Protein backbone atom coordinates (compact mmCIF):
# COMPACT_ATOMS: atom_id res chain seq x y z
CA UNK A 1 119.01 50.59 -5.51
CA UNK A 2 119.12 52.59 -2.16
CA UNK A 3 121.89 55.36 -1.89
CA UNK A 4 124.18 53.13 -0.14
CA UNK A 5 123.89 50.47 -2.68
CA UNK A 6 124.51 53.25 -5.13
CA UNK A 7 127.60 55.19 -3.25
CA UNK A 8 129.49 51.46 -3.13
CA UNK A 9 129.19 51.27 -6.68
CA UNK A 10 130.37 54.65 -7.55
CA UNK A 11 133.25 53.87 -4.80
CA UNK A 12 133.88 50.66 -6.64
CA UNK A 13 133.79 51.83 -10.53
CA UNK A 14 134.62 55.25 -10.54
CA UNK A 15 137.02 55.76 -13.45
CA UNK A 16 139.96 57.60 -11.61
CA UNK A 17 140.84 61.45 -11.15
CA UNK A 18 138.57 63.61 -9.47
CA UNK A 19 136.37 64.62 -12.59
CA UNK A 20 134.49 61.75 -14.96
CA UNK A 21 132.75 62.60 -17.94
CA UNK A 22 129.01 60.69 -18.67
CA UNK A 23 130.54 59.11 -21.19
CA UNK A 24 133.65 57.63 -18.63
CA UNK A 25 130.79 56.81 -16.12
CA UNK A 26 128.76 54.55 -18.74
CA UNK A 27 131.97 52.96 -19.48
CA UNK A 28 132.52 51.80 -15.93
CA UNK A 29 129.01 50.53 -15.55
CA UNK A 30 127.44 53.54 -14.09
CA UNK A 31 124.68 53.77 -16.08
CA UNK A 32 122.13 56.99 -16.53
CA UNK A 33 119.72 55.76 -13.59
CA UNK A 34 122.47 55.59 -11.36
CA UNK A 35 124.29 58.83 -12.23
CA UNK A 36 120.71 60.68 -11.56
CA UNK A 37 119.95 58.98 -8.25
CA UNK A 38 123.70 60.05 -7.02
CA UNK A 39 123.09 63.22 -7.97
CA UNK A 40 119.79 63.51 -6.26
CA UNK A 41 121.18 62.02 -3.15
CA UNK A 42 124.15 63.88 -2.83
CA UNK A 43 126.61 61.69 -3.75
CA UNK A 44 127.95 62.86 -7.00
CA UNK A 45 127.68 66.82 -8.12
CA UNK A 46 127.14 67.59 -11.41
CA UNK A 47 130.10 70.54 -12.17
CA UNK A 48 128.76 71.14 -15.84
CA UNK A 49 127.05 69.61 -18.44
CA UNK A 50 128.33 65.79 -18.96
CA UNK A 51 130.89 66.06 -16.14
CA UNK A 52 130.83 65.01 -12.50
CA UNK A 53 133.06 64.88 -9.36
CA UNK A 54 132.24 63.01 -6.10
CA UNK A 55 130.84 65.22 -3.29
CA UNK A 56 133.22 64.77 -0.57
CA UNK A 57 136.01 65.08 -2.64
CA UNK A 58 134.55 68.17 -4.44
CA UNK A 59 133.84 70.05 -1.18
CA UNK A 60 137.36 69.44 0.25
CA UNK A 61 138.64 71.71 -2.43
CA UNK A 62 139.09 75.46 -2.11
CA UNK A 63 136.90 77.55 -4.56
CA UNK A 64 140.55 78.26 -6.30
CA UNK A 65 141.40 74.78 -6.66
CA UNK A 66 137.85 74.19 -7.95
CA UNK A 67 138.21 76.67 -10.90
CA UNK A 68 141.28 74.83 -12.20
CA UNK A 69 139.03 71.46 -12.00
CA UNK A 70 136.28 73.48 -13.66
CA UNK A 71 138.76 73.13 -16.97
CA UNK A 72 138.81 69.27 -16.48
CA UNK A 73 134.81 69.29 -16.51
CA UNK A 74 135.09 71.23 -19.43
CA UNK A 75 137.79 69.21 -21.07
CA UNK A 76 135.87 65.85 -20.11
CA UNK A 77 133.32 67.30 -23.26
CA UNK A 78 135.05 69.00 -25.55
CA UNK A 79 136.69 65.86 -26.71
CA UNK A 80 140.64 67.74 -27.27
CA UNK A 81 138.44 70.17 -29.71
CA UNK A 82 139.15 73.59 -27.46
CA UNK A 83 141.70 75.63 -27.25
CA UNK A 84 141.90 77.41 -23.81
CA UNK A 85 143.07 80.91 -23.48
CA UNK A 86 142.91 84.04 -21.12
CA UNK A 87 142.79 83.00 -17.21
CA UNK A 88 142.02 79.50 -18.45
CA UNK A 89 145.09 78.94 -20.18
CA UNK A 90 146.92 80.66 -17.04
CA UNK A 91 145.80 78.06 -14.70
CA UNK A 92 146.91 75.52 -16.98
CA UNK A 93 150.76 76.94 -17.03
CA UNK A 94 150.28 76.95 -13.38
CA UNK A 95 150.28 80.85 -13.01
CA UNK A 96 148.59 82.11 -9.78
CA UNK A 97 145.60 83.77 -10.92
CA UNK A 98 143.46 86.15 -8.38
CA UNK A 99 139.85 87.21 -8.82
CA UNK A 100 139.57 86.27 -12.29
CA UNK A 101 136.45 84.48 -11.84
CA UNK A 102 135.23 80.85 -12.84
CA UNK A 103 134.38 81.38 -16.66
CA UNK A 104 135.99 78.85 -18.88
CA UNK A 105 137.75 80.78 -21.54
CA UNK A 106 138.40 79.24 -24.98
CA UNK A 107 139.58 80.92 -28.35
CA UNK A 108 137.49 80.56 -31.31
CA UNK A 109 134.54 78.18 -32.19
CA UNK A 110 134.59 74.20 -30.58
CA UNK A 111 132.84 72.08 -32.48
CA UNK A 112 131.19 70.57 -29.31
CA UNK A 113 128.50 71.30 -27.21
CA UNK A 114 130.72 71.79 -24.61
CA UNK A 115 131.57 75.34 -25.95
CA UNK A 116 127.62 76.35 -24.69
CA UNK A 117 126.80 77.56 -21.60
CA UNK A 118 127.09 80.29 -19.10
CA UNK A 119 130.32 78.77 -17.80
CA UNK A 120 132.38 79.27 -21.30
CA UNK A 121 133.23 82.57 -23.03
CA UNK A 122 134.41 81.83 -26.70
CA UNK A 123 137.10 84.73 -28.09
CA UNK A 124 137.16 85.30 -31.58
CA UNK A 125 141.01 86.09 -32.19
CA UNK A 126 143.51 84.72 -34.88
CA UNK A 127 145.49 82.11 -33.66
CA UNK A 128 148.55 80.87 -35.34
CA UNK A 129 150.43 77.92 -35.14
CA UNK A 130 153.19 78.98 -32.79
CA UNK A 131 150.34 80.15 -29.96
CA UNK A 132 149.50 77.09 -28.67
CA UNK A 133 150.76 74.62 -26.68
CA UNK A 134 149.79 70.98 -25.11
CA UNK A 135 149.28 71.14 -21.57
CA UNK A 136 147.82 68.81 -19.11
CA UNK A 137 144.68 69.42 -16.49
CA UNK A 138 144.75 68.91 -12.76
CA UNK A 139 143.78 65.37 -13.73
CA UNK A 140 146.06 64.68 -16.69
CA UNK A 141 144.15 65.00 -19.57
CA UNK A 142 145.75 66.54 -22.71
CA UNK A 143 144.71 69.78 -23.83
CA UNK A 144 145.61 72.53 -26.02
CA UNK A 145 146.03 76.12 -24.62
CA UNK A 146 147.60 79.66 -25.92
CA UNK A 147 150.89 79.57 -25.19
CA UNK A 148 152.52 81.30 -21.89
CA UNK A 149 153.39 84.63 -23.73
CA UNK A 150 150.56 85.20 -25.56
CA UNK A 151 148.36 84.24 -22.48
CA UNK A 152 149.51 86.74 -20.65
CA UNK A 153 149.07 89.74 -23.16
CA UNK A 154 145.09 88.45 -23.61
CA UNK A 155 144.70 88.61 -19.96
CA UNK A 156 146.06 92.11 -20.21
CA UNK A 157 144.03 92.93 -22.59
CA UNK A 158 140.50 92.36 -20.46
CA UNK A 159 141.51 91.96 -16.93
CA UNK A 160 141.36 94.50 -14.41
CA UNK A 161 144.82 95.89 -13.17
CA UNK A 162 145.42 93.93 -10.58
CA UNK A 163 144.06 90.23 -11.52
CA UNK A 164 146.32 90.62 -14.76
CA UNK A 165 149.68 91.66 -13.08
CA UNK A 166 148.87 88.71 -10.92
CA UNK A 167 148.95 86.36 -13.81
CA UNK A 168 152.08 88.70 -15.25
CA UNK A 169 153.93 88.44 -11.99
CA UNK A 170 153.79 84.95 -11.88
CA UNK A 171 154.50 84.37 -15.39
CA UNK A 172 158.13 86.29 -15.22
CA UNK A 173 158.77 83.94 -12.24
CA UNK A 174 158.26 81.09 -14.39
CA UNK A 175 160.16 82.12 -17.05
CA UNK A 176 158.39 84.54 -19.13
CA UNK A 177 160.19 87.71 -19.96
CA UNK A 178 159.23 91.40 -20.50
CA UNK A 179 161.43 91.04 -23.92
CA UNK A 180 158.95 88.46 -25.03
CA UNK A 181 156.01 90.33 -23.89
CA UNK A 182 156.64 93.45 -25.66
CA UNK A 183 157.91 91.51 -28.82
CA UNK A 184 154.48 89.67 -28.65
CA UNK A 185 152.47 92.66 -28.40
CA UNK A 186 154.18 94.68 -31.16
CA UNK A 187 153.51 91.73 -33.84
CA UNK A 188 150.10 91.00 -32.43
CA UNK A 189 147.60 91.42 -35.26
CA UNK A 190 144.47 92.54 -32.62
CA UNK A 191 144.26 96.19 -31.77
CA UNK A 192 141.83 96.01 -28.96
CA UNK A 193 143.40 96.45 -25.57
CA UNK A 194 146.85 96.89 -27.09
CA UNK A 195 147.17 100.22 -25.07
CA UNK A 196 146.10 98.40 -21.74
CA UNK A 197 148.28 95.64 -22.00
CA UNK A 198 151.53 98.16 -22.80
CA UNK A 199 150.49 99.80 -19.78
CA UNK A 200 150.50 96.51 -17.65
CA UNK A 201 153.89 95.19 -19.10
CA UNK A 202 155.57 98.23 -17.62
CA UNK A 203 153.81 97.69 -14.04
CA UNK A 204 155.32 93.89 -14.17
CA UNK A 205 157.74 92.67 -11.62
CA UNK A 206 159.39 89.01 -11.08
CA UNK A 207 160.37 89.55 -7.71
CA UNK A 208 156.65 89.56 -6.35
CA UNK A 209 156.70 86.07 -5.02
CA UNK A 210 152.44 86.11 -4.42
CA UNK A 211 149.34 87.74 -5.58
CA UNK A 212 149.61 89.48 -2.08
CA UNK A 213 152.88 90.73 -2.79
CA UNK A 214 152.00 92.30 -6.29
CA UNK A 215 148.47 93.41 -5.16
CA UNK A 216 150.50 95.35 -2.20
CA UNK A 217 153.18 96.50 -4.43
CA UNK A 218 150.40 98.55 -6.87
CA UNK A 219 148.46 99.83 -3.60
CA UNK A 220 152.07 101.20 -2.82
CA UNK A 221 152.16 103.02 -5.97
CA UNK A 222 148.59 104.21 -6.28
CA UNK A 223 148.86 105.63 -2.77
CA UNK A 224 152.05 107.64 -3.95
CA UNK A 225 153.96 106.20 -1.28
CA UNK A 226 157.92 106.38 -1.85
CA UNK A 227 159.03 103.47 -3.53
CA UNK A 228 160.18 100.65 -1.49
CA UNK A 229 163.01 98.29 -2.08
CA UNK A 230 161.74 95.02 -2.95
CA UNK A 231 162.80 91.47 -1.55
CA UNK A 232 165.23 93.54 0.70
CA UNK A 233 167.99 91.35 2.45
CA UNK A 234 168.90 92.11 6.45
CA UNK A 235 171.56 90.35 8.54
CA UNK A 236 170.55 89.95 11.98
CA UNK A 237 171.73 87.67 14.58
CA UNK A 238 169.41 84.41 13.89
CA UNK A 239 170.52 85.11 10.23
CA UNK A 240 169.62 86.77 6.93
CA UNK A 241 165.90 88.32 6.78
CA UNK A 242 164.47 88.74 3.39
CA UNK A 243 161.36 91.53 3.54
CA UNK A 244 158.76 91.48 0.94
CA UNK A 245 159.29 95.67 0.90
CA UNK A 246 161.58 97.54 3.05
CA UNK A 247 162.52 101.44 3.33
CA UNK A 248 166.26 101.33 4.46
CA UNK A 249 166.61 105.23 5.40
CA UNK A 250 163.70 104.96 8.42
CA UNK A 251 163.99 101.08 8.61
CA UNK A 252 160.53 100.23 7.86
CA UNK A 253 159.67 96.89 6.61
CA UNK A 254 156.05 95.96 5.05
CA UNK A 255 155.35 92.36 5.12
CA UNK A 256 152.12 90.79 3.06
CA UNK A 257 151.07 87.83 5.40
CA UNK A 258 149.37 85.38 3.11
CA UNK A 259 148.13 82.04 5.04
CA UNK A 260 150.27 79.83 2.93
CA UNK A 261 153.69 82.04 3.41
CA UNK A 262 154.80 80.71 6.80
CA UNK A 263 152.93 77.29 7.05
CA UNK A 264 153.30 75.64 3.69
CA UNK A 265 156.72 73.89 4.84
CA UNK A 266 156.69 73.65 8.63
CA UNK A 267 154.23 72.78 11.24
CA UNK A 268 152.75 75.88 12.47
CA UNK A 269 154.01 76.22 15.78
CA UNK A 270 157.97 76.03 14.37
CA UNK A 271 156.91 78.57 12.04
CA UNK A 272 155.34 81.01 14.52
CA UNK A 273 158.42 80.32 16.59
CA UNK A 274 161.06 80.79 13.78
CA UNK A 275 158.59 84.47 12.80
CA UNK A 276 158.80 85.95 15.97
CA UNK A 277 162.87 85.09 16.61
CA UNK A 278 163.21 87.16 13.03
CA UNK A 279 161.04 89.77 14.33
CA UNK A 280 162.59 90.33 17.65
CA UNK A 281 165.97 90.08 15.75
CA UNK A 282 164.84 93.40 13.67
CA UNK A 283 163.53 95.02 16.38
CA UNK A 284 167.04 94.86 18.20
CA UNK A 285 168.36 96.46 15.14
CA UNK A 286 165.92 99.36 15.17
CA UNK A 287 163.99 98.17 12.54
CA UNK A 288 159.88 98.20 12.36
CA UNK A 289 157.60 95.75 10.73
CA UNK A 290 153.94 96.88 9.19
CA UNK A 291 152.35 93.64 8.54
CA UNK A 292 149.28 93.55 5.91
CA UNK A 293 146.41 90.54 5.35
CA UNK A 294 144.22 90.42 2.32
CA UNK A 295 141.41 92.32 4.10
CA UNK A 296 143.80 95.20 4.44
CA UNK A 297 144.63 95.57 0.97
CA UNK A 298 140.67 96.31 0.62
CA UNK A 299 141.07 99.33 2.94
CA UNK A 300 143.87 101.21 1.12
CA UNK A 301 142.84 104.34 3.59
CA UNK A 302 144.02 102.63 6.48
CA UNK A 303 147.15 101.15 4.90
CA UNK A 304 148.06 104.50 3.72
CA UNK A 305 147.54 105.87 7.21
CA UNK A 306 149.52 103.11 8.76
CA UNK A 307 152.55 103.57 6.51
CA UNK A 308 152.52 107.47 7.23
CA UNK A 309 152.27 107.27 10.84
CA UNK A 310 155.40 105.08 10.63
CA UNK A 311 157.05 107.64 7.93
CA UNK A 312 156.06 110.28 10.66
CA UNK A 313 157.60 108.48 13.68
CA UNK A 314 160.89 107.60 11.99
CA UNK A 315 160.94 111.54 10.96
């Protein structure tokens, strides 16, 4: 069998979905010999033990999408015996996850070889009957994960502040409440990381609409900058403008520009034109706009200098 024949066979018999387990491939008539050859020829990519994807489809994904599908790859071999937790559970619940790595997190022992490997971290922690829920992976596999409230608490206990806050803010936007988090932390049986989680809960804000906005808010606090109004609405000649952060007394706006913010729902030229019109309308009203990108958030000294200059100019 040559690579063209093998590629045609895989295309014809692929089980469906992006991730397929060895068992699924064998049942579809793609035997071990063909699987090995397809990996060697670059037709298939081995995501982890006994889990594969077609190379073209896998390569087309962003790295954060690949991290989501790594849970599928693990689930393909776990055979419903895993309870996903921490950032893996956060991904399964659809929470925003930033800078949390590609490791698969599961809670307690899994009676499967899928629990082994450098890509899996097993947490020993009590899990009550109300601590887990059934969810579906990106490929539609039914799996168990820690419940949303428990997931936020677990992440807050082990992650650095910014990644934990990104998950927490996202969870609040999806219906988790501060009261639920506080109550869950108070009744939890574990003690490790409790103080860290309590501090994190006090920093969360459901008004942050993206990971970048969460990180911007935390950066402003760390820099000791006067707290801004969040999601501040301004009436302009071209309609209502909602600023990520604003200081109304000096008419200063701070915006985080994530790539998806303007281009997700509109063609790029239309989005750019609309944004220029809105900014022109703001300038006519005496407002100034500072825009931050992902790269800016890693240069706090420059951010502080830009905002200080804007405050000084206003004074």
